[in-house]
Amino acid sequence: MIRHIVLFRFISDDPALRAEQLAEVGRRSRALVGVIPGLLALDVHANCLDDPRNSDFALVGDFEDLASVEAYVPHPAHRELIAYLSTVRIEGSRTAIDYEL
């Protein structure tokens, strides 16, 4: 199994707007499970430590194998999630890691 973690920073500084956007990212992310083959789980988590060096939220996904991660990247449903994320995250703020469990 592969864990895929992607970190982002919000464009907005407004806590209420950020909470709404995080909820929407979570809803859209969880909706991909069962749609994209090999995607076992996908959820988001907000940063809880007030440290300006930290990212604002993490997208955490579990995949059957590396081939599933590679197939996820160009999948149209994933591309729709990316399109939404591009409206709420700072461009260039993305960083990621993939590792075996």
PDB file of N, CA and C in Angstrom:
ATOM      1  N   MET A   1       0.841  -1.175   0.000  1.00  0.00           N
ATOM      2  CA  MET A   1       0.000   0.000   0.000  1.00  0.00           C
ATOM      3  C   MET A   1       0.890   1.243   0.000  1.00  0.00           C
ATOM      4  N   ILE A   2       0.410   2.286  -0.684  1.00  0.00           N
ATOM      5  CA  ILE A   2       1.129   3.559  -0.777  1.00  0.00           C
ATOM      6  C   ILE A   2       0.309   4.653  -0.107  1.00  0.00           C
ATOM      7  N   ARG A   3       0.957   5.442   0.721  1.00  0.00           N
ATOM      8  CA  ARG A   3       0.327   6.636   1.291  1.00  0.00           C
ATOM      9  C   ARG A   3       0.847   7.842   0.512  1.00  0.00           C
ATOM     10  N   HIS A   4      -0.091   8.688   0.100  1.00  0.00           N
ATOM     11  CA  HIS A   4       0.184   9.882  -0.696  1.00  0.00           C
ATOM     12  C   HIS A   4      -0.255  11.079   0.145  1.00  0.00           C
ATOM     13  N   ILE A   5       0.684  11.951   0.483  1.00  0.00           N
ATOM     14  CA  ILE A   5       0.370  13.129   1.296  1.00  0.00           C
ATOM     15  C   ILE A   5       0.779  14.373   0.514  1.00  0.00           C
ATOM     16  N   VAL A   6      -0.165  15.302   0.388  1.00  0.00           N
ATOM     17  CA  VAL A   6       0.095  16.562  -0.303  1.00  0.00           C
ATOM     18  C   VAL A   6      -0.271  17.700   0.641  1.00  0.00           C
ATOM     19  N   LEU A   7       0.619  18.667   0.759  1.00  0.00           N
ATOM     20  CA  LEU A   7       0.422  19.809   1.652  1.00  0.00           C
ATOM     21  C   LEU A   7       0.162  21.074   0.843  1.00  0.00           C
ATOM     22  N   PHE A   8      -0.749  21.909   1.353  1.00  0.00           N
ATOM     23  CA  PHE A   8      -1.132  23.139   0.664  1.00  0.00           C
ATOM     24  C   PHE A   8      -1.245  24.297   1.651  1.00  0.00           C
ATOM     25  N   ARG A   9      -1.255  25.512   1.094  1.00  0.00           N
ATOM     26  CA  ARG A   9      -1.536  26.728   1.861  1.00  0.00           C
ATOM     27  C   ARG A   9      -2.718  27.423   1.204  1.00  0.00           C
ATOM     28  N   PHE A  10      -3.626  27.907   2.036  1.00  0.00           N
ATOM     29  CA  PHE A  10      -4.787  28.639   1.554  1.00  0.00           C
ATOM     30  C   PHE A  10      -4.405  30.021   1.035  1.00  0.00           C
ATOM     31  N   ILE A  11      -5.183  30.507   0.075  1.00  0.00           N
ATOM     32  CA  ILE A  11      -5.052  31.885  -0.375  1.00  0.00           C
ATOM     33  C   ILE A  11      -5.613  32.822   0.690  1.00  0.00           C
ATOM     34  N   SER A  12      -6.790  32.482   1.192  1.00  0.00           N
ATOM     35  CA  SER A  12      -7.500  33.345   2.138  1.00  0.00           C
ATOM     36  C   SER A  12      -6.921  33.261   3.548  1.00  0.00           C
ATOM     37  N   ASP A  13      -7.008  34.386   4.252  1.00  0.00           N
ATOM     38  CA  ASP A  13      -6.652  34.428   5.669  1.00  0.00           C
ATOM     39  C   ASP A  13      -7.891  34.372   6.554  1.00  0.00           C
ATOM     40  N   ASP A  14      -9.080  34.427   5.943  1.00  0.00           N
ATOM     41  CA  ASP A  14     -10.341  34.450   6.690  1.00  0.00           C
ATOM     42  C   ASP A  14     -10.647  33.057   7.247  1.00  0.00           C
ATOM     43  N   PRO A  15     -10.695  32.901   8.577  1.00  0.00           N
ATOM     44  CA  PRO A  15     -10.917  31.577   9.175  1.00  0.00           C
ATOM     45  C   PRO A  15     -12.227  30.909   8.743  1.00  0.00           C
ATOM     46  N   ALA A  16     -13.300  31.682   8.624  1.00  0.00           N
ATOM     47  CA  ALA A  16     -14.584  31.097   8.228  1.00  0.00           C
ATOM     48  C   ALA A  16     -14.534  30.593   6.786  1.00  0.00           C
ATOM     49  N   LEU A  17     -13.958  31.382   5.902  1.00  0.00           N
ATOM     50  CA  LEU A  17     -13.836  30.967   4.507  1.00  0.00           C
ATOM     51  C   LEU A  17     -12.934  29.743   4.382  1.00  0.00           C
ATOM     52  N   ARG A  18     -11.843  29.745   5.117  1.00  0.00           N
ATOM     53  CA  ARG A  18     -10.925  28.597   5.081  1.00  0.00           C
ATOM     54  C   ARG A  18     -11.627  27.328   5.568  1.00  0.00           C
ATOM     55  N   ALA A  19     -12.441  27.445   6.602  1.00  0.00           N
ATOM     56  CA  ALA A  19     -13.179  26.278   7.109  1.00  0.00           C
ATOM     57  C   ALA A  19     -14.142  25.756   6.054  1.00  0.00           C
ATOM     58  N   GLU A  20     -14.835  26.659   5.359  1.00  0.00           N
ATOM     59  CA  GLU A  20     -15.742  26.252   4.283  1.00  0.00           C
ATOM     60  C   GLU A  20     -14.979  25.564   3.165  1.00  0.00           C
ATOM     61  N   GLN A  21     -13.855  26.138   2.786  1.00  0.00           N
ATOM     62  CA  GLN A  21     -13.057  25.568   1.700  1.00  0.00           C
ATOM     63  C   GLN A  21     -12.485  24.211   2.086  1.00  0.00           C
ATOM     64  N   LEU A  22     -12.039  24.084   3.326  1.00  0.00           N
ATOM     65  CA  LEU A  22     -11.519  22.799   3.792  1.00  0.00           C
ATOM     66  C   LEU A  22     -12.615  21.733   3.750  1.00  0.00           C
ATOM     67  N   ALA A  23     -13.806  22.089   4.185  1.00  0.00           N
ATOM     68  CA  ALA A  23     -14.922  21.147   4.154  1.00  0.00           C
ATOM     69  C   ALA A  23     -15.232  20.722   2.722  1.00  0.00           C
ATOM     70  N   GLU A  24     -15.177  21.656   1.801  1.00  0.00           N
ATOM     71  CA  GLU A  24     -15.445  21.337   0.395  1.00  0.00           C
ATOM     72  C   GLU A  24     -14.354  20.458  -0.196  1.00  0.00           C
ATOM     73  N   VAL A  25     -13.102  20.742   0.128  1.00  0.00           N
ATOM     74  CA  VAL A  25     -12.008  19.877  -0.334  1.00  0.00           C
ATOM     75  C   VAL A  25     -12.205  18.470   0.220  1.00  0.00           C
ATOM     76  N   GLY A  26     -12.586  18.368   1.478  1.00  0.00           N
ATOM     77  CA  GLY A  26     -12.837  17.060   2.082  1.00  0.00           C
ATOM     78  C   GLY A  26     -13.968  16.318   1.402  1.00  0.00           C
ATOM     79  N   ARG A  27     -15.070  17.022   1.141  1.00  0.00           N
ATOM     80  CA  ARG A  27     -16.212  16.397   0.471  1.00  0.00           C
ATOM     81  C   ARG A  27     -15.814  15.893  -0.911  1.00  0.00           C
ATOM     82  N   ARG A  28     -15.140  16.726  -1.672  1.00  0.00           N
ATOM     83  CA  ARG A  28     -14.726  16.344  -3.028  1.00  0.00           C
ATOM     84  C   ARG A  28     -13.705  15.214  -3.004  1.00  0.00           C
ATOM     85  N   SER A  29     -12.823  15.234  -2.036  1.00  0.00           N
ATOM     86  CA  SER A  29     -11.790  14.196  -1.933  1.00  0.00           C
ATOM     87  C   SER A  29     -12.399  12.843  -1.613  1.00  0.00           C
ATOM     88  N   ARG A  30     -13.230  12.799  -0.598  1.00  0.00           N
ATOM     89  CA  ARG A  30     -13.848  11.529  -0.198  1.00  0.00           C
ATOM     90  C   ARG A  30     -14.725  10.960  -1.301  1.00  0.00           C
ATOM     91  N   ALA A  31     -15.301  11.822  -2.141  1.00  0.00           N
ATOM     92  CA  ALA A  31     -16.157  11.371  -3.237  1.00  0.00           C
ATOM     93  C   ALA A  31     -15.376  10.613  -4.312  1.00  0.00           C
ATOM     94  N   LEU A  32     -14.064  10.738  -4.329  1.00  0.00           N
ATOM     95  CA  LEU A  32     -13.249  10.051  -5.337  1.00  0.00           C
ATOM     96  C   LEU A  32     -13.041   8.568  -5.018  1.00  0.00           C
ATOM     97  N   VAL A  33     -13.210   8.189  -3.747  1.00  0.00           N
ATOM     98  CA  VAL A  33     -13.066   6.788  -3.349  1.00  0.00           C
ATOM     99  C   VAL A  33     -14.206   6.000  -3.992  1.00  0.00           C
ATOM    100  N   GLY A  34     -13.851   4.936  -4.687  1.00  0.00           N
ATOM    101  CA  GLY A  34     -14.838   4.147  -5.412  1.00  0.00           C
ATOM    102  C   GLY A  34     -15.004   4.599  -6.853  1.00  0.00           C
ATOM    103  N   VAL A  35     -14.468   5.766  -7.173  1.00  0.00           N
ATOM    104  CA  VAL A  35     -14.510   6.284  -8.543  1.00  0.00           C
ATOM    105  C   VAL A  35     -13.181   6.033  -9.245  1.00  0.00           C
ATOM    106  N   ILE A  36     -12.099   6.251  -8.523  1.00  0.00           N
ATOM    107  CA  ILE A  36     -10.759   6.064  -9.091  1.00  0.00           C
ATOM    108  C   ILE A  36     -10.234   4.702  -8.644  1.00  0.00           C
ATOM    109  N   PRO A  37      -9.966   3.814  -9.593  1.00  0.00           N
ATOM    110  CA  PRO A  37      -9.485   2.470  -9.244  1.00  0.00           C
ATOM    111  C   PRO A  37      -8.198   2.520  -8.415  1.00  0.00           C
ATOM    112  N   GLY A  38      -8.154   1.690  -7.381  1.00  0.00           N
ATOM    113  CA  GLY A  38      -6.970   1.590  -6.534  1.00  0.00           C
ATOM    114  C   GLY A  38      -6.889   2.613  -5.422  1.00  0.00           C
ATOM    115  N   LEU A  39      -7.783   3.601  -5.414  1.00  0.00           N
ATOM    116  CA  LEU A  39      -7.830   4.604  -4.343  1.00  0.00           C
ATOM    117  C   LEU A  39      -8.653   4.029  -3.197  1.00  0.00           C
ATOM    118  N   LEU A  40      -8.011   3.786  -2.070  1.00  0.00           N
ATOM    119  CA  LEU A  40      -8.662   3.147  -0.928  1.00  0.00           C
ATOM    120  C   LEU A  40      -9.278   4.152   0.042  1.00  0.00           C
ATOM    121  N   ALA A  41      -8.632   5.303   0.207  1.00  0.00           N
ATOM    122  CA  ALA A  41      -9.102   6.337   1.131  1.00  0.00           C
ATOM    123  C   ALA A  41      -8.479   7.654   0.720  1.00  0.00           C
ATOM    124  N   LEU A  42      -9.226   8.740   0.931  1.00  0.00           N
ATOM    125  CA  LEU A  42      -8.705  10.079   0.634  1.00  0.00           C
ATOM    126  C   LEU A  42      -9.442  11.062   1.536  1.00  0.00           C
ATOM    127  N   ASP A  43      -8.686  11.832   2.302  1.00  0.00           N
ATOM    128  CA  ASP A  43      -9.290  12.781   3.221  1.00  0.00           C
ATOM    129  C   ASP A  43      -8.375  13.983   3.386  1.00  0.00           C
ATOM    130  N   VAL A  44      -8.864  15.016   4.036  1.00  0.00           N
ATOM    131  CA  VAL A  44      -8.058  16.208   4.305  1.00  0.00           C
ATOM    132  C   VAL A  44      -7.990  16.439   5.807  1.00  0.00           C
ATOM    133  N   HIS A  45      -6.920  17.114   6.207  1.00  0.00           N
ATOM    134  CA  HIS A  45      -6.694  17.421   7.617  1.00  0.00           C
ATOM    135  C   HIS A  45      -6.132  18.829   7.727  1.00  0.00           C
ATOM    136  N   ALA A  46      -6.700  19.620   8.615  1.00  0.00           N
ATOM    137  CA  ALA A  46      -6.226  20.986   8.840  1.00  0.00           C
ATOM    138  C   ALA A  46      -5.035  20.982   9.788  1.00  0.00           C
ATOM    139  N   ASN A  47      -4.128  21.882   9.550  1.00  0.00           N
ATOM    140  CA  ASN A  47      -3.018  22.100  10.464  1.00  0.00           C
ATOM    141  C   ASN A  47      -3.579  22.646  11.783  1.00  0.00           C
ATOM    142  N   CYS A  48      -3.117  22.142  12.896  1.00  0.00           N
ATOM    143  CA  CYS A  48      -3.634  22.613  14.190  1.00  0.00           C
ATOM    144  C   CYS A  48      -2.613  23.433  14.979  1.00  0.00           C
ATOM    145  N   LEU A  49      -1.407  23.570  14.450  1.00  0.00           N
ATOM    146  CA  LEU A  49      -0.376  24.331  15.144  1.00  0.00           C
ATOM    147  C   LEU A  49      -0.206  25.680  14.459  1.00  0.00           C
ATOM    148  N   ASP A  50      -0.316  26.748  15.211  1.00  0.00           N
ATOM    149  CA  ASP A  50      -0.181  28.088  14.650  1.00  0.00           C
ATOM    150  C   ASP A  50       1.297  28.402  14.470  1.00  0.00           C
ATOM    151  N   ASP A  51       1.834  27.967  13.347  1.00  0.00           N
ATOM    152  CA  ASP A  51       3.239  28.177  13.022  1.00  0.00           C
ATOM    153  C   ASP A  51       3.297  28.592  11.558  1.00  0.00           C
ATOM    154  N   PRO A  52       3.770  29.775  11.265  1.00  0.00           N
ATOM    155  CA  PRO A  52       3.760  30.264   9.879  1.00  0.00           C
ATOM    156  C   PRO A  52       4.601  29.412   8.924  1.00  0.00           C
ATOM    157  N   ARG A  53       5.443  28.558   9.447  1.00  0.00           N
ATOM    158  CA  ARG A  53       6.247  27.681   8.585  1.00  0.00           C
ATOM    159  C   ARG A  53       5.443  26.481   8.097  1.00  0.00           C
ATOM    160  N   ASN A  54       4.319  26.196   8.749  1.00  0.00           N
ATOM    161  CA  ASN A  54       3.520  25.020   8.414  1.00  0.00           C
ATOM    162  C   ASN A  54       2.596  25.275   7.233  1.00  0.00           C
ATOM    163  N   SER A  55       2.233  24.195   6.573  1.00  0.00           N
ATOM    164  CA  SER A  55       1.173  24.243   5.571  1.00  0.00           C
ATOM    165  C   SER A  55      -0.157  24.367   6.299  1.00  0.00           C
ATOM    166  N   ASP A  56      -1.202  24.740   5.564  1.00  0.00           N
ATOM    167  CA  ASP A  56      -2.519  24.924   6.170  1.00  0.00           C
ATOM    168  C   ASP A  56      -3.332  23.635   6.228  1.00  0.00           C
ATOM    169  N   PHE A  57      -3.165  22.781   5.209  1.00  0.00           N
ATOM    170  CA  PHE A  57      -3.913  21.528   5.222  1.00  0.00           C
ATOM    171  C   PHE A  57      -3.194  20.463   4.405  1.00  0.00           C
ATOM    172  N   ALA A  58      -3.537  19.219   4.731  1.00  0.00           N
ATOM    173  CA  ALA A  58      -2.936  18.061   4.064  1.00  0.00           C
ATOM    174  C   ALA A  58      -4.027  17.216   3.435  1.00  0.00           C
ATOM    175  N   LEU A  59      -3.766  16.749   2.241  1.00  0.00           N
ATOM    176  CA  LEU A  59      -4.599  15.766   1.568  1.00  0.00           C
ATOM    177  C   LEU A  59      -3.869  14.438   1.733  1.00  0.00           C
ATOM    178  N   VAL A  60      -4.535  13.450   2.332  1.00  0.00           N
ATOM    179  CA  VAL A  60      -3.892  12.170   2.643  1.00  0.00           C
ATOM    180  C   VAL A  60      -4.681  11.051   1.967  1.00  0.00           C
ATOM    181  N   GLY A  61      -3.990  10.321   1.100  1.00  0.00           N
ATOM    182  CA  GLY A  61      -4.645   9.233   0.387  1.00  0.00           C
ATOM    183  C   GLY A  61      -3.899   7.927   0.538  1.00  0.00           C
ATOM    184  N   ASP A  62      -4.646   6.836   0.545  1.00  0.00           N
ATOM    185  CA  ASP A  62      -4.064   5.499   0.561  1.00  0.00           C
ATOM    186  C   ASP A  62      -4.452   4.799  -0.735  1.00  0.00           C
ATOM    187  N   PHE A  63      -3.470   4.181  -1.360  1.00  0.00           N
ATOM    188  CA  PHE A  63      -3.633   3.524  -2.645  1.00  0.00           C
ATOM    189  C   PHE A  63      -3.154   2.086  -2.559  1.00  0.00           C
ATOM    190  N   GLU A  64      -3.735   1.239  -3.393  1.00  0.00           N
ATOM    191  CA  GLU A  64      -3.345  -0.172  -3.403  1.00  0.00           C
ATOM    192  C   GLU A  64      -1.860  -0.347  -3.691  1.00  0.00           C
ATOM    193  N   ASP A  65      -1.351   0.415  -4.660  1.00  0.00           N
ATOM    194  CA  ASP A  65       0.043   0.259  -5.083  1.00  0.00           C
ATOM    195  C   ASP A  65       0.481   1.511  -5.834  1.00  0.00           C
ATOM    196  N   LEU A  66       1.737   1.531  -6.240  1.00  0.00           N
ATOM    197  CA  LEU A  66       2.278   2.688  -6.936  1.00  0.00           C
ATOM    198  C   LEU A  66       1.590   2.913  -8.278  1.00  0.00           C
ATOM    199  N   ALA A  67       1.230   1.844  -8.967  1.00  0.00           N
ATOM    200  CA  ALA A  67       0.523   1.980 -10.242  1.00  0.00           C
ATOM    201  C   ALA A  67      -0.816   2.703 -10.041  1.00  0.00           C
ATOM    202  N   SER A  68      -1.473   2.477  -8.924  1.00  0.00           N
ATOM    203  CA  SER A  68      -2.735   3.159  -8.627  1.00  0.00           C
ATOM    204  C   SER A  68      -2.520   4.661  -8.431  1.00  0.00           C
ATOM    205  N   VAL A  69      -1.434   5.029  -7.782  1.00  0.00           N
ATOM    206  CA  VAL A  69      -1.112   6.447  -7.603  1.00  0.00           C
ATOM    207  C   VAL A  69      -0.861   7.084  -8.969  1.00  0.00           C
ATOM    208  N   GLU A  70      -0.103   6.390  -9.795  1.00  0.00           N
ATOM    209  CA  GLU A  70       0.221   6.924 -11.115  1.00  0.00           C
ATOM    210  C   GLU A  70      -1.026   7.059 -11.988  1.00  0.00           C
ATOM    211  N   ALA A  71      -1.994   6.153 -11.841  1.00  0.00           N
ATOM    212  CA  ALA A  71      -3.239   6.232 -12.612  1.00  0.00           C
ATOM    213  C   ALA A  71      -4.165   7.330 -12.071  1.00  0.00           C
ATOM    214  N   TYR A  72      -4.042   7.638 -10.799  1.00  0.00           N
ATOM    215  CA  TYR A  72      -4.854   8.666 -10.143  1.00  0.00           C
ATOM    216  C   TYR A  72      -4.531  10.053 -10.675  1.00  0.00           C
ATOM    217  N   VAL A  73      -3.258  10.306 -10.911  1.00  0.00           N
ATOM    218  CA  VAL A  73      -2.811  11.650 -11.289  1.00  0.00           C
ATOM    219  C   VAL A  73      -3.561  12.195 -12.513  1.00  0.00           C
ATOM    220  N   PRO A  74      -3.660  11.458 -13.637  1.00  0.00           N
ATOM    221  CA  PRO A  74      -4.347  12.019 -14.802  1.00  0.00           C
ATOM    222  C   PRO A  74      -5.857  11.744 -14.839  1.00  0.00           C
ATOM    223  N   HIS A  75      -6.380  11.017 -13.865  1.00  0.00           N
ATOM    224  CA  HIS A  75      -7.794  10.634 -13.889  1.00  0.00           C
ATOM    225  C   HIS A  75      -8.678  11.899 -13.924  1.00  0.00           C
ATOM    226  N   PRO A  76      -9.714  11.929 -14.779  1.00  0.00           N
ATOM    227  CA  PRO A  76     -10.575  13.117 -14.886  1.00  0.00           C
ATOM    228  C   PRO A  76     -11.200  13.562 -13.561  1.00  0.00           C
ATOM    229  N   ALA A  77     -11.582  12.631 -12.705  1.00  0.00           N
ATOM    230  CA  ALA A  77     -12.172  13.006 -11.409  1.00  0.00           C
ATOM    231  C   ALA A  77     -11.131  13.699 -10.526  1.00  0.00           C
ATOM    232  N   HIS A  78      -9.899  13.251 -10.585  1.00  0.00           N
ATOM    233  CA  HIS A  78      -8.819  13.899  -9.838  1.00  0.00           C
ATOM    234  C   HIS A  78      -8.537  15.272 -10.420  1.00  0.00           C
ATOM    235  N   ARG A  79      -8.584  15.398 -11.742  1.00  0.00           N
ATOM    236  CA  ARG A  79      -8.345  16.680 -12.394  1.00  0.00           C
ATOM    237  C   ARG A  79      -9.397  17.716 -11.952  1.00  0.00           C
ATOM    238  N   GLU A  80     -10.631  17.253 -11.710  1.00  0.00           N
ATOM    239  CA  GLU A  80     -11.676  18.158 -11.213  1.00  0.00           C
ATOM    240  C   GLU A  80     -11.338  18.656  -9.805  1.00  0.00           C
ATOM    241  N   LEU A  81     -10.818  17.756  -8.962  1.00  0.00           N
ATOM    242  CA  LEU A  81     -10.389  18.164  -7.622  1.00  0.00           C
ATOM    243  C   LEU A  81      -9.263  19.188  -7.719  1.00  0.00           C
ATOM    244  N   ILE A  82      -8.313  18.949  -8.596  1.00  0.00           N
ATOM    245  CA  ILE A  82      -7.204  19.887  -8.778  1.00  0.00           C
ATOM    246  C   ILE A  82      -7.718  21.247  -9.224  1.00  0.00           C
ATOM    247  N   ALA A  83      -8.700  21.254 -10.116  1.00  0.00           N
ATOM    248  CA  ALA A  83      -9.268  22.527 -10.579  1.00  0.00           C
ATOM    249  C   ALA A  83      -9.852  23.308  -9.407  1.00  0.00           C
ATOM    250  N   TYR A  84     -10.567  22.620  -8.500  1.00  0.00           N
ATOM    251  CA  TYR A  84     -11.105  23.312  -7.328  1.00  0.00           C
ATOM    252  C   TYR A  84      -9.971  23.778  -6.418  1.00  0.00           C
ATOM    253  N   LEU A  85      -9.021  22.914  -6.168  1.00  0.00           N
ATOM    254  CA  LEU A  85      -7.903  23.284  -5.291  1.00  0.00           C
ATOM    255  C   LEU A  85      -7.173  24.519  -5.802  1.00  0.00           C
ATOM    256  N   SER A  86      -7.076  24.652  -7.107  1.00  0.00           N
ATOM    257  CA  SER A  86      -6.363  25.805  -7.668  1.00  0.00           C
ATOM    258  C   SER A  86      -7.065  27.123  -7.358  1.00  0.00           C
ATOM    259  N   THR A  87      -8.336  27.066  -6.964  1.00  0.00           N
ATOM    260  CA  THR A  87      -9.068  28.292  -6.614  1.00  0.00           C
ATOM    261  C   THR A  87      -8.915  28.666  -5.146  1.00  0.00           C
ATOM    262  N   VAL A  88      -8.415  27.745  -4.319  1.00  0.00           N
ATOM    263  CA  VAL A  88      -8.330  28.011  -2.872  1.00  0.00           C
ATOM    264  C   VAL A  88      -6.911  27.969  -2.329  1.00  0.00           C
ATOM    265  N   ARG A  89      -5.971  27.443  -3.088  1.00  0.00           N
ATOM    266  CA  ARG A  89      -4.604  27.314  -2.585  1.00  0.00           C
ATOM    267  C   ARG A  89      -3.670  28.308  -3.258  1.00  0.00           C
ATOM    268  N   ILE A  90      -2.606  28.638  -2.563  1.00  0.00           N
ATOM    269  CA  ILE A  90      -1.583  29.518  -3.115  1.00  0.00           C
ATOM    270  C   ILE A  90      -0.818  28.732  -4.166  1.00  0.00           C
ATOM    271  N   GLU A  91      -0.717  29.299  -5.358  1.00  0.00           N
ATOM    272  CA  GLU A  91       0.037  28.660  -6.435  1.00  0.00           C
ATOM    273  C   GLU A  91       1.480  28.443  -5.979  1.00  0.00           C
ATOM    274  N   GLY A  92       1.988  27.261  -6.227  1.00  0.00           N
ATOM    275  CA  GLY A  92       3.356  26.940  -5.843  1.00  0.00           C
ATOM    276  C   GLY A  92       3.504  26.490  -4.404  1.00  0.00           C
ATOM    277  N   SER A  93       2.395  26.396  -3.657  1.00  0.00           N
ATOM    278  CA  SER A  93       2.501  26.001  -2.245  1.00  0.00           C
ATOM    279  C   SER A  93       2.453  24.489  -2.065  1.00  0.00           C
ATOM    280  N   ARG A  94       2.225  23.742  -3.126  1.00  0.00           N
ATOM    281  CA  ARG A  94       2.070  22.292  -3.029  1.00  0.00           C
ATOM    282  C   ARG A  94       3.422  21.612  -2.810  1.00  0.00           C
ATOM    283  N   THR A  95       3.405  20.674  -1.874  1.00  0.00           N
ATOM    284  CA  THR A  95       4.536  19.772  -1.692  1.00  0.00           C
ATOM    285  C   THR A  95       3.950  18.407  -1.360  1.00  0.00           C
ATOM    286  N   ALA A  96       4.647  17.348  -1.731  1.00  0.00           N
ATOM    287  CA  ALA A  96       4.067  16.012  -1.556  1.00  0.00           C
ATOM    288  C   ALA A  96       5.131  14.986  -1.203  1.00  0.00           C
ATOM    289  N   ILE A  97       4.641  13.872  -0.679  1.00  0.00           N
ATOM    290  CA  ILE A  97       5.475  12.699  -0.425  1.00  0.00           C
ATOM    291  C   ILE A  97       4.603  11.459  -0.621  1.00  0.00           C
ATOM    292  N   ASP A  98       5.199  10.427  -1.159  1.00  0.00           N
ATOM    293  CA  ASP A  98       4.539   9.134  -1.326  1.00  0.00           C
ATOM    294  C   ASP A  98       5.463   8.097  -0.703  1.00  0.00           C
ATOM    295  N   TYR A  99       4.880   7.191   0.100  1.00  0.00           N
ATOM    296  CA  TYR A  99       5.714   6.171   0.730  1.00  0.00           C
ATOM    297  C   TYR A  99       4.921   4.889   0.923  1.00  0.00           C
ATOM    298  N   GLU A 100       5.653   3.804   1.042  1.00  0.00           N
ATOM    299  CA  GLU A 100       5.023   2.500   1.253  1.00  0.00           C
ATOM    300  C   GLU A 100       4.682   2.300   2.713  1.00  0.00           C
ATOM    301  N   LEU A 101       3.513   1.718   2.934  1.00  0.00           N
ATOM    302  CA  LEU A 101       3.103   1.359   4.303  1.00  0.00           C
ATOM    303  C   LEU A 101       3.424  -0.103   4.547  1.00  0.00           C
TER     304      LEU A 101
END
